[in-house]
């Protein structure tokens, strides 16, 4: 199975659209910290 690099996809598309982490977080109804964790791949479940 191919590995998906979600963080890179998120950052690339967010930058392409000129959206900040805060704006994306507000749109999705999550915290900015959550968006940051997704983008960096840091998660402590």
Protein backbone atom coordinates (compact mmCIF):
# COMPACT_ATOMS: atom_id res chain seq x y z
CA UNK A 1 0.00 0.00 0.00
CA UNK A 2 1.30 3.46 -0.89
CA UNK A 3 2.12 5.81 2.00
CA UNK A 4 0.12 9.03 2.04
CA UNK A 5 1.99 12.13 3.15
CA UNK A 6 -1.02 14.01 4.47
CA UNK A 7 1.03 16.76 6.09
CA UNK A 8 2.75 17.70 2.83
CA UNK A 9 -0.57 17.63 0.99
CA UNK A 10 -2.21 19.88 3.60
CA UNK A 11 0.64 22.40 3.65
CA UNK A 12 0.90 22.51 -0.13
CA UNK A 13 -2.80 23.03 -0.69
CA UNK A 14 -3.13 25.50 2.17
CA UNK A 15 -0.26 27.61 0.82
CA UNK A 16 -1.59 27.39 -2.72
CA UNK A 17 -4.87 28.89 -1.52
CA UNK A 18 -3.26 31.46 0.79
CA UNK A 19 -4.96 30.08 3.90
CA UNK A 20 -3.42 30.26 7.37
CA UNK A 21 -3.49 27.44 9.89
CA UNK A 22 -5.89 29.54 11.97
CA UNK A 23 -8.28 29.96 9.04
CA UNK A 24 -8.20 26.26 8.18
CA UNK A 25 -8.73 25.33 11.82
CA UNK A 26 -11.74 27.65 12.11
CA UNK A 27 -13.26 26.27 8.89
CA UNK A 28 -12.84 22.67 10.10
CA UNK A 29 -13.91 23.42 13.67
CA UNK A 30 -10.65 22.24 15.22
CA UNK A 31 -7.79 23.95 17.02
CA UNK A 32 -4.79 25.51 15.28
CA UNK A 33 -2.67 23.04 17.26
CA UNK A 34 -4.51 20.15 15.59
CA UNK A 35 -3.78 21.52 12.13
CA UNK A 36 -0.13 22.01 13.08
CA UNK A 37 0.12 18.42 14.32
CA UNK A 38 -1.42 17.10 11.12
CA UNK A 39 1.01 19.10 9.00
CA UNK A 40 4.09 18.07 10.96
CA UNK A 41 3.00 14.49 11.49
CA UNK A 42 3.36 14.84 15.27
CA UNK A 43 0.69 12.93 17.14
CA UNK A 44 0.65 11.36 20.57
CA UNK A 45 -2.49 9.24 20.54
